[in-house]
Amino acid sequence: MWMWMGRASHSREYDQNLQLHTLRYAMVGMLQKPPAEFGEVVKRHFKLLAPHLRRQGARWVAECTDATLRSRLAVAVHNLNGELDQLEACA
């Protein structure tokens, strides 16, 4: 039993770091610099999923247990929302 102690917190920390990098690179990064041949597909994908992505980002920030990481997640969510706002403005 003792060998499992602390693993949940390490798993949570890993997941929260993964969420941060997903926001930064897989979402914001892709919106800012989509592959040329997939630019329209990327825009449409994110435009269709925008409401869900906004809710998910807010949920990740709210559930984050580390104050420093929560702050970084909040910045990444803010950046994502800015990119999504620009997409929606181009309707």
PDB file of N, CA and C in Angstrom:
ATOM      1  N   MET A   1       0.819  -1.199   0.000  1.00  0.00           N
ATOM      2  CA  MET A   1       0.000   0.000   0.000  1.00  0.00           C
ATOM      3  C   MET A   1       0.858   1.257   0.000  1.00  0.00           C
ATOM      4  N   TRP A   2       1.963   1.263   0.762  1.00  0.00           N
ATOM      5  CA  TRP A   2       2.802   2.456   0.868  1.00  0.00           C
ATOM      6  C   TRP A   2       3.363   2.880  -0.474  1.00  0.00           C
ATOM      7  N   MET A   3       3.570   1.943  -1.399  1.00  0.00           N
ATOM      8  CA  MET A   3       4.168   2.303  -2.685  1.00  0.00           C
ATOM      9  C   MET A   3       3.201   3.088  -3.572  1.00  0.00           C
ATOM     10  N   TRP A   4       1.915   3.086  -3.263  1.00  0.00           N
ATOM     11  CA  TRP A   4       0.939   3.834  -4.045  1.00  0.00           C
ATOM     12  C   TRP A   4       0.744   5.248  -3.531  1.00  0.00           C
ATOM     13  N   MET A   5       1.236   5.508  -2.330  1.00  0.00           N
ATOM     14  CA  MET A   5       1.047   6.838  -1.747  1.00  0.00           C
ATOM     15  C   MET A   5       1.777   7.879  -2.594  1.00  0.00           C
ATOM     16  N   GLY A   6       1.104   8.939  -2.890  1.00  0.00           N
ATOM     17  CA  GLY A   6       1.705  10.009  -3.676  1.00  0.00           C
ATOM     18  C   GLY A   6       1.546   9.877  -5.175  1.00  0.00           C
ATOM     19  N   ARG A   7       1.180   8.709  -5.631  1.00  0.00           N
ATOM     20  CA  ARG A   7       1.043   8.515  -7.085  1.00  0.00           C
ATOM     21  C   ARG A   7      -0.117   9.319  -7.653  1.00  0.00           C
ATOM     22  N   ALA A   8      -1.187   9.448  -6.904  1.00  0.00           N
ATOM     23  CA  ALA A   8      -2.333  10.217  -7.395  1.00  0.00           C
ATOM     24  C   ALA A   8      -1.940  11.664  -7.631  1.00  0.00           C
ATOM     25  N   SER A   9      -1.152  12.235  -6.725  1.00  0.00           N
ATOM     26  CA  SER A   9      -0.742  13.631  -6.909  1.00  0.00           C
ATOM     27  C   SER A   9       0.213  13.768  -8.085  1.00  0.00           C
ATOM     28  N   HIS A  10       1.072  12.774  -8.303  1.00  0.00           N
ATOM     29  CA  HIS A  10       1.969  12.820  -9.462  1.00  0.00           C
ATOM     30  C   HIS A  10       1.176  12.688 -10.759  1.00  0.00           C
ATOM     31  N   SER A  11       0.174  11.838 -10.748  1.00  0.00           N
ATOM     32  CA  SER A  11      -0.672  11.672 -11.924  1.00  0.00           C
ATOM     33  C   SER A  11      -1.424  12.964 -12.222  1.00  0.00           C
ATOM     34  N   ARG A  12      -1.965  13.593 -11.181  1.00  0.00           N
ATOM     35  CA  ARG A  12      -2.697  14.852 -11.347  1.00  0.00           C
ATOM     36  C   ARG A  12      -1.759  15.928 -11.901  1.00  0.00           C
ATOM     37  N   GLU A  13      -0.558  16.014 -11.358  1.00  0.00           N
ATOM     38  CA  GLU A  13       0.417  17.002 -11.829  1.00  0.00           C
ATOM     39  C   GLU A  13       0.769  16.747 -13.296  1.00  0.00           C
ATOM     40  N   TYR A  14       0.967  15.488 -13.652  1.00  0.00           N
ATOM     41  CA  TYR A  14       1.266  15.135 -15.036  1.00  0.00           C
ATOM     42  C   TYR A  14       0.116  15.560 -15.952  1.00  0.00           C
ATOM     43  N   ASP A  15      -1.125  15.230 -15.551  1.00  0.00           N
ATOM     44  CA  ASP A  15      -2.296  15.579 -16.352  1.00  0.00           C
ATOM     45  C   ASP A  15      -2.418  17.086 -16.534  1.00  0.00           C
ATOM     46  N   GLN A  16      -2.182  17.840 -15.470  1.00  0.00           N
ATOM     47  CA  GLN A  16      -2.318  19.291 -15.541  1.00  0.00           C
ATOM     48  C   GLN A  16      -1.235  19.915 -16.427  1.00  0.00           C
ATOM     49  N   ASN A  17      -0.040  19.364 -16.395  1.00  0.00           N
ATOM     50  CA  ASN A  17       1.005  19.831 -17.306  1.00  0.00           C
ATOM     51  C   ASN A  17       0.651  19.492 -18.746  1.00  0.00           C
ATOM     52  N   LEU A  18       0.084  18.320 -18.957  1.00  0.00           N
ATOM     53  CA  LEU A  18      -0.354  17.926 -20.295  1.00  0.00           C
ATOM     54  C   LEU A  18      -1.449  18.862 -20.804  1.00  0.00           C
ATOM     55  N   GLN A  19      -2.360  19.257 -19.931  1.00  0.00           N
ATOM     56  CA  GLN A  19      -3.406  20.192 -20.311  1.00  0.00           C
ATOM     57  C   GLN A  19      -2.806  21.533 -20.727  1.00  0.00           C
ATOM     58  N   LEU A  20      -1.832  22.005 -19.969  1.00  0.00           N
ATOM     59  CA  LEU A  20      -1.171  23.271 -20.294  1.00  0.00           C
ATOM     60  C   LEU A  20      -0.532  23.209 -21.676  1.00  0.00           C
ATOM     61  N   HIS A  21       0.197  22.149 -21.942  1.00  0.00           N
ATOM     62  CA  HIS A  21       0.886  22.040 -23.230  1.00  0.00           C
ATOM     63  C   HIS A  21      -0.094  21.802 -24.375  1.00  0.00           C
ATOM     64  N   THR A  22      -1.192  21.133 -24.099  1.00  0.00           N
ATOM     65  CA  THR A  22      -2.238  20.966 -25.113  1.00  0.00           C
ATOM     66  C   THR A  22      -2.797  22.329 -25.510  1.00  0.00           C
ATOM     67  N   LEU A  23      -3.085  23.155 -24.503  1.00  0.00           N
ATOM     68  CA  LEU A  23      -3.588  24.500 -24.782  1.00  0.00           C
ATOM     69  C   LEU A  23      -2.573  25.319 -25.572  1.00  0.00           C
ATOM     70  N   ARG A  24      -1.328  25.315 -25.104  1.00  0.00           N
ATOM     71  CA  ARG A  24      -0.295  26.156 -25.721  1.00  0.00           C
ATOM     72  C   ARG A  24       0.046  25.745 -27.143  1.00  0.00           C
ATOM     73  N   TYR A  25       0.274  24.467 -27.336  1.00  0.00           N
ATOM     74  CA  TYR A  25       0.852  24.026 -28.604  1.00  0.00           C
ATOM     75  C   TYR A  25      -0.157  23.383 -29.556  1.00  0.00           C
ATOM     76  N   ALA A  26      -1.008  22.511 -29.045  1.00  0.00           N
ATOM     77  CA  ALA A  26      -1.952  21.820 -29.928  1.00  0.00           C
ATOM     78  C   ALA A  26      -3.136  22.705 -30.310  1.00  0.00           C
ATOM     79  N   MET A  27      -3.449  23.680 -29.458  1.00  0.00           N
ATOM     80  CA  MET A  27      -4.582  24.549 -29.776  1.00  0.00           C
ATOM     81  C   MET A  27      -4.114  25.927 -30.239  1.00  0.00           C
ATOM     82  N   VAL A  28      -3.542  26.714 -29.344  1.00  0.00           N
ATOM     83  CA  VAL A  28      -3.143  28.079 -29.699  1.00  0.00           C
ATOM     84  C   VAL A  28      -2.090  28.057 -30.816  1.00  0.00           C
ATOM     85  N   GLY A  29      -1.102  27.206 -30.672  1.00  0.00           N
ATOM     86  CA  GLY A  29      -0.056  27.119 -31.692  1.00  0.00           C
ATOM     87  C   GLY A  29      -0.605  26.752 -33.056  1.00  0.00           C
ATOM     88  N   MET A  30      -1.542  25.803 -33.076  1.00  0.00           N
ATOM     89  CA  MET A  30      -2.135  25.389 -34.348  1.00  0.00           C
ATOM     90  C   MET A  30      -2.978  26.504 -34.946  1.00  0.00           C
ATOM     91  N   LEU A  31      -3.684  27.255 -34.108  1.00  0.00           N
ATOM     92  CA  LEU A  31      -4.478  28.378 -34.618  1.00  0.00           C
ATOM     93  C   LEU A  31      -3.594  29.497 -35.154  1.00  0.00           C
ATOM     94  N   GLN A  32      -2.472  29.733 -34.510  1.00  0.00           N
ATOM     95  CA  GLN A  32      -1.584  30.818 -34.937  1.00  0.00           C
ATOM     96  C   GLN A  32      -0.786  30.463 -36.183  1.00  0.00           C
ATOM     97  N   LYS A  33      -0.391  29.206 -36.301  1.00  0.00           N
ATOM     98  CA  LYS A  33       0.411  28.783 -37.452  1.00  0.00           C
ATOM     99  C   LYS A  33      -0.050  27.425 -37.954  1.00  0.00           C
ATOM    100  N   PRO A  34      -1.216  27.378 -38.574  1.00  0.00           N
ATOM    101  CA  PRO A  34      -1.677  26.092 -39.100  1.00  0.00           C
ATOM    102  C   PRO A  34      -0.847  25.690 -40.317  1.00  0.00           C
ATOM    103  N   PRO A  35      -0.725  24.393 -40.569  1.00  0.00           N
ATOM    104  CA  PRO A  35      -0.057  23.971 -41.796  1.00  0.00           C
ATOM    105  C   PRO A  35      -0.804  24.570 -42.986  1.00  0.00           C
ATOM    106  N   ALA A  36      -0.076  25.114 -43.925  1.00  0.00           N
ATOM    107  CA  ALA A  36      -0.677  25.849 -45.049  1.00  0.00           C
ATOM    108  C   ALA A  36      -1.781  25.059 -45.742  1.00  0.00           C
ATOM    109  N   GLU A  37      -1.536  23.792 -45.990  1.00  0.00           N
ATOM    110  CA  GLU A  37      -2.506  22.990 -46.731  1.00  0.00           C
ATOM    111  C   GLU A  37      -3.742  22.624 -45.903  1.00  0.00           C
ATOM    112  N   PHE A  38      -3.697  22.860 -44.590  1.00  0.00           N
ATOM    113  CA  PHE A  38      -4.824  22.529 -43.728  1.00  0.00           C
ATOM    114  C   PHE A  38      -5.401  23.748 -43.012  1.00  0.00           C
ATOM    115  N   GLY A  39      -5.023  24.925 -43.416  1.00  0.00           N
ATOM    116  CA  GLY A  39      -5.442  26.141 -42.732  1.00  0.00           C
ATOM    117  C   GLY A  39      -6.942  26.275 -42.579  1.00  0.00           C
ATOM    118  N   GLU A  40      -7.676  26.049 -43.645  1.00  0.00           N
ATOM    119  CA  GLU A  40      -9.132  26.188 -43.597  1.00  0.00           C
ATOM    120  C   GLU A  40      -9.772  25.090 -42.743  1.00  0.00           C
ATOM    121  N   VAL A  41      -9.210  23.896 -42.812  1.00  0.00           N
ATOM    122  CA  VAL A  41      -9.729  22.785 -42.011  1.00  0.00           C
ATOM    123  C   VAL A  41      -9.515  23.070 -40.527  1.00  0.00           C
ATOM    124  N   VAL A  42      -8.341  23.565 -40.175  1.00  0.00           N
ATOM    125  CA  VAL A  42      -8.034  23.893 -38.781  1.00  0.00           C
ATOM    126  C   VAL A  42      -8.981  24.979 -38.278  1.00  0.00           C
ATOM    127  N   LYS A  43      -9.169  26.015 -39.071  1.00  0.00           N
ATOM    128  CA  LYS A  43     -10.066  27.101 -38.668  1.00  0.00           C
ATOM    129  C   LYS A  43     -11.482  26.590 -38.448  1.00  0.00           C
ATOM    130  N   ARG A  44     -11.966  25.781 -39.368  1.00  0.00           N
ATOM    131  CA  ARG A  44     -13.332  25.255 -39.252  1.00  0.00           C
ATOM    132  C   ARG A  44     -13.454  24.352 -38.026  1.00  0.00           C
ATOM    133  N   HIS A  45     -12.478  23.502 -37.819  1.00  0.00           N
ATOM    134  CA  HIS A  45     -12.471  22.593 -36.663  1.00  0.00           C
ATOM    135  C   HIS A  45     -12.600  23.375 -35.360  1.00  0.00           C
ATOM    136  N   PHE A  46     -11.734  24.369 -35.189  1.00  0.00           N
ATOM    137  CA  PHE A  46     -11.743  25.129 -33.943  1.00  0.00           C
ATOM    138  C   PHE A  46     -12.987  26.012 -33.819  1.00  0.00           C
ATOM    139  N   LYS A  47     -13.486  26.499 -34.932  1.00  0.00           N
ATOM    140  CA  LYS A  47     -14.691  27.314 -34.896  1.00  0.00           C
ATOM    141  C   LYS A  47     -15.887  26.476 -34.442  1.00  0.00           C
ATOM    142  N   LEU A  48     -15.987  25.262 -34.955  1.00  0.00           N
ATOM    143  CA  LEU A  48     -17.082  24.374 -34.570  1.00  0.00           C
ATOM    144  C   LEU A  48     -16.994  23.958 -33.100  1.00  0.00           C
ATOM    145  N   LEU A  49     -15.779  23.770 -32.606  1.00  0.00           N
ATOM    146  CA  LEU A  49     -15.588  23.300 -31.231  1.00  0.00           C
ATOM    147  C   LEU A  49     -15.396  24.427 -30.212  1.00  0.00           C
ATOM    148  N   ALA A  50     -15.436  25.669 -30.656  1.00  0.00           N
ATOM    149  CA  ALA A  50     -15.132  26.803 -29.775  1.00  0.00           C
ATOM    150  C   ALA A  50     -15.903  26.786 -28.456  1.00  0.00           C
ATOM    151  N   PRO A  51     -17.218  26.607 -28.457  1.00  0.00           N
ATOM    152  CA  PRO A  51     -17.928  26.623 -27.166  1.00  0.00           C
ATOM    153  C   PRO A  51     -17.427  25.535 -26.206  1.00  0.00           C
ATOM    154  N   HIS A  52     -17.214  24.345 -26.737  1.00  0.00           N
ATOM    155  CA  HIS A  52     -16.711  23.239 -25.906  1.00  0.00           C
ATOM    156  C   HIS A  52     -15.305  23.549 -25.388  1.00  0.00           C
ATOM    157  N   LEU A  53     -14.444  24.062 -26.255  1.00  0.00           N
ATOM    158  CA  LEU A  53     -13.064  24.357 -25.852  1.00  0.00           C
ATOM    159  C   LEU A  53     -13.009  25.445 -24.785  1.00  0.00           C
ATOM    160  N   ARG A  54     -13.875  26.425 -24.895  1.00  0.00           N
ATOM    161  CA  ARG A  54     -13.931  27.487 -23.874  1.00  0.00           C
ATOM    162  C   ARG A  54     -14.332  26.903 -22.514  1.00  0.00           C
ATOM    163  N   ARG A  55     -15.347  26.047 -22.520  1.00  0.00           N
ATOM    164  CA  ARG A  55     -15.788  25.425 -21.260  1.00  0.00           C
ATOM    165  C   ARG A  55     -14.710  24.515 -20.694  1.00  0.00           C
ATOM    166  N   GLN A  56     -14.080  23.722 -21.555  1.00  0.00           N
ATOM    167  CA  GLN A  56     -13.053  22.792 -21.098  1.00  0.00           C
ATOM    168  C   GLN A  56     -11.868  23.545 -20.506  1.00  0.00           C
ATOM    169  N   GLY A  57     -11.446  24.610 -21.158  1.00  0.00           N
ATOM    170  CA  GLY A  57     -10.335  25.408 -20.633  1.00  0.00           C
ATOM    171  C   GLY A  57     -10.658  25.983 -19.267  1.00  0.00           C
ATOM    172  N   ALA A  58     -11.854  26.520 -19.116  1.00  0.00           N
ATOM    173  CA  ALA A  58     -12.275  27.083 -17.826  1.00  0.00           C
ATOM    174  C   ALA A  58     -12.313  25.986 -16.765  1.00  0.00           C
ATOM    175  N   ARG A  59     -12.772  24.802 -17.130  1.00  0.00           N
ATOM    176  CA  ARG A  59     -12.823  23.683 -16.188  1.00  0.00           C
ATOM    177  C   ARG A  59     -11.417  23.264 -15.757  1.00  0.00           C
ATOM    178  N   TRP A  60     -10.478  23.207 -16.708  1.00  0.00           N
ATOM    179  CA  TRP A  60      -9.110  22.848 -16.358  1.00  0.00           C
ATOM    180  C   TRP A  60      -8.501  23.841 -15.372  1.00  0.00           C
ATOM    181  N   VAL A  61      -8.757  25.119 -15.587  1.00  0.00           N
ATOM    182  CA  VAL A  61      -8.240  26.141 -14.657  1.00  0.00           C
ATOM    183  C   VAL A  61      -8.871  25.949 -13.283  1.00  0.00           C
ATOM    184  N   ALA A  62     -10.175  25.773 -13.240  1.00  0.00           N
ATOM    185  CA  ALA A  62     -10.885  25.633 -11.963  1.00  0.00           C
ATOM    186  C   ALA A  62     -10.442  24.399 -11.186  1.00  0.00           C
ATOM    187  N   GLU A  63     -10.113  23.331 -11.887  1.00  0.00           N
ATOM    188  CA  GLU A  63      -9.742  22.075 -11.232  1.00  0.00           C
ATOM    189  C   GLU A  63      -8.267  21.976 -10.884  1.00  0.00           C
ATOM    190  N   CYS A  64      -7.458  22.895 -11.362  1.00  0.00           N
ATOM    191  CA  CYS A  64      -6.016  22.826 -11.134  1.00  0.00           C
ATOM    192  C   CYS A  64      -5.703  23.032  -9.653  1.00  0.00           C
ATOM    193  N   THR A  65      -4.862  22.168  -9.111  1.00  0.00           N
ATOM    194  CA  THR A  65      -4.555  22.190  -7.684  1.00  0.00           C
ATOM    195  C   THR A  65      -3.275  22.959  -7.343  1.00  0.00           C
ATOM    196  N   ASP A  66      -2.487  23.305  -8.323  1.00  0.00           N
ATOM    197  CA  ASP A  66      -1.230  24.018  -8.099  1.00  0.00           C
ATOM    198  C   ASP A  66      -1.394  25.476  -8.536  1.00  0.00           C
ATOM    199  N   ALA A  67      -1.120  26.404  -7.641  1.00  0.00           N
ATOM    200  CA  ALA A  67      -1.363  27.826  -7.915  1.00  0.00           C
ATOM    201  C   ALA A  67      -0.541  28.341  -9.099  1.00  0.00           C
ATOM    202  N   THR A  68       0.714  27.956  -9.183  1.00  0.00           N
ATOM    203  CA  THR A  68       1.570  28.420 -10.281  1.00  0.00           C
ATOM    204  C   THR A  68       1.073  27.870 -11.612  1.00  0.00           C
ATOM    205  N   LEU A  69       0.779  26.599 -11.621  1.00  0.00           N
ATOM    206  CA  LEU A  69       0.278  25.972 -12.848  1.00  0.00           C
ATOM    207  C   LEU A  69      -1.098  26.523 -13.211  1.00  0.00           C
ATOM    208  N   ARG A  70      -1.928  26.800 -12.216  1.00  0.00           N
ATOM    209  CA  ARG A  70      -3.250  27.385 -12.475  1.00  0.00           C
ATOM    210  C   ARG A  70      -3.103  28.730 -13.177  1.00  0.00           C
ATOM    211  N   SER A  71      -2.131  29.519 -12.736  1.00  0.00           N
ATOM    212  CA  SER A  71      -1.882  30.813 -13.366  1.00  0.00           C
ATOM    213  C   SER A  71      -1.455  30.638 -14.819  1.00  0.00           C
ATOM    214  N   ARG A  72      -0.603  29.675 -15.080  1.00  0.00           N
ATOM    215  CA  ARG A  72      -0.153  29.414 -16.457  1.00  0.00           C
ATOM    216  C   ARG A  72      -1.291  28.901 -17.325  1.00  0.00           C
ATOM    217  N   LEU A  73      -2.112  28.034 -16.745  1.00  0.00           N
ATOM    218  CA  LEU A  73      -3.286  27.551 -17.474  1.00  0.00           C
ATOM    219  C   LEU A  73      -4.231  28.702 -17.805  1.00  0.00           C
ATOM    220  N   ALA A  74      -4.420  29.605 -16.854  1.00  0.00           N
ATOM    221  CA  ALA A  74      -5.315  30.749 -17.080  1.00  0.00           C
ATOM    222  C   ALA A  74      -4.814  31.615 -18.235  1.00  0.00           C
ATOM    223  N   VAL A  75      -3.512  31.824 -18.309  1.00  0.00           N
ATOM    224  CA  VAL A  75      -2.939  32.598 -19.418  1.00  0.00           C
ATOM    225  C   VAL A  75      -3.158  31.859 -20.742  1.00  0.00           C
ATOM    226  N   ALA A  76      -2.922  30.557 -20.738  1.00  0.00           N
ATOM    227  CA  ALA A  76      -3.104  29.771 -21.962  1.00  0.00           C
ATOM    228  C   ALA A  76      -4.570  29.782 -22.403  1.00  0.00           C
ATOM    229  N   VAL A  77      -5.499  29.686 -21.456  1.00  0.00           N
ATOM    230  CA  VAL A  77      -6.923  29.735 -21.788  1.00  0.00           C
ATOM    231  C   VAL A  77      -7.278  31.120 -22.331  1.00  0.00           C
ATOM    232  N   HIS A  78      -6.733  32.154 -21.730  1.00  0.00           N
ATOM    233  CA  HIS A  78      -6.961  33.516 -22.223  1.00  0.00           C
ATOM    234  C   HIS A  78      -6.481  33.645 -23.677  1.00  0.00           C
ATOM    235  N   ASN A  79      -5.296  33.101 -23.958  1.00  0.00           N
ATOM    236  CA  ASN A  79      -4.756  33.149 -25.324  1.00  0.00           C
ATOM    237  C   ASN A  79      -5.636  32.355 -26.290  1.00  0.00           C
ATOM    238  N   LEU A  80      -6.100  31.192 -25.849  1.00  0.00           N
ATOM    239  CA  LEU A  80      -6.993  30.398 -26.692  1.00  0.00           C
ATOM    240  C   LEU A  80      -8.283  31.158 -26.972  1.00  0.00           C
ATOM    241  N   ASN A  81      -8.863  31.750 -25.935  1.00  0.00           N
ATOM    242  CA  ASN A  81     -10.104  32.505 -26.127  1.00  0.00           C
ATOM    243  C   ASN A  81      -9.900  33.669 -27.089  1.00  0.00           C
ATOM    244  N   GLY A  82      -8.742  34.303 -27.037  1.00  0.00           N
ATOM    245  CA  GLY A  82      -8.439  35.382 -27.977  1.00  0.00           C
ATOM    246  C   GLY A  82      -8.394  34.885 -29.411  1.00  0.00           C
ATOM    247  N   GLU A  83      -7.772  33.740 -29.616  1.00  0.00           N
ATOM    248  CA  GLU A  83      -7.724  33.158 -30.963  1.00  0.00           C
ATOM    249  C   GLU A  83      -9.119  32.757 -31.423  1.00  0.00           C
ATOM    250  N   LEU A  84      -9.916  32.190 -30.532  1.00  0.00           N
ATOM    251  CA  LEU A  84     -11.278  31.790 -30.894  1.00  0.00           C
ATOM    252  C   LEU A  84     -12.140  33.021 -31.187  1.00  0.00           C
ATOM    253  N   ASP A  85     -11.928  34.091 -30.433  1.00  0.00           N
ATOM    254  CA  ASP A  85     -12.650  35.358 -30.706  1.00  0.00           C
ATOM    255  C   ASP A  85     -12.350  35.852 -32.105  1.00  0.00           C
ATOM    256  N   GLN A  86     -11.089  35.780 -32.497  1.00  0.00           N
ATOM    257  CA  GLN A  86     -10.707  36.229 -33.841  1.00  0.00           C
ATOM    258  C   GLN A  86     -11.371  35.363 -34.914  1.00  0.00           C
ATOM    259  N   LEU A  87     -11.424  34.072 -34.676  1.00  0.00           N
ATOM    260  CA  LEU A  87     -12.094  33.174 -35.639  1.00  0.00           C
ATOM    261  C   LEU A  87     -13.558  33.524 -35.777  1.00  0.00           C
ATOM    262  N   GLU A  88     -14.210  33.735 -34.645  1.00  0.00           N
ATOM    263  CA  GLU A  88     -15.643  34.014 -34.664  1.00  0.00           C
ATOM    264  C   GLU A  88     -15.935  35.395 -35.277  1.00  0.00           C
ATOM    265  N   ALA A  89     -14.998  36.315 -35.165  1.00  0.00           N
ATOM    266  CA  ALA A  89     -15.182  37.643 -35.739  1.00  0.00           C
ATOM    267  C   ALA A  89     -15.096  37.612 -37.268  1.00  0.00           C
ATOM    268  N   CYS A  90     -14.444  36.603 -37.796  1.00  0.00           N
ATOM    269  CA  CYS A  90     -14.275  36.483 -39.241  1.00  0.00           C
ATOM    270  C   CYS A  90     -15.439  35.746 -39.892  1.00  0.00           C
ATOM    271  N   ALA A  91     -16.520  35.605 -39.196  1.00  0.00           N
ATOM    272  CA  ALA A  91     -17.678  34.827 -39.710  1.00  0.00           C
ATOM    273  C   ALA A  91     -18.282  35.441 -40.891  1.00  0.00           C
TER     274      ALA A  91
END
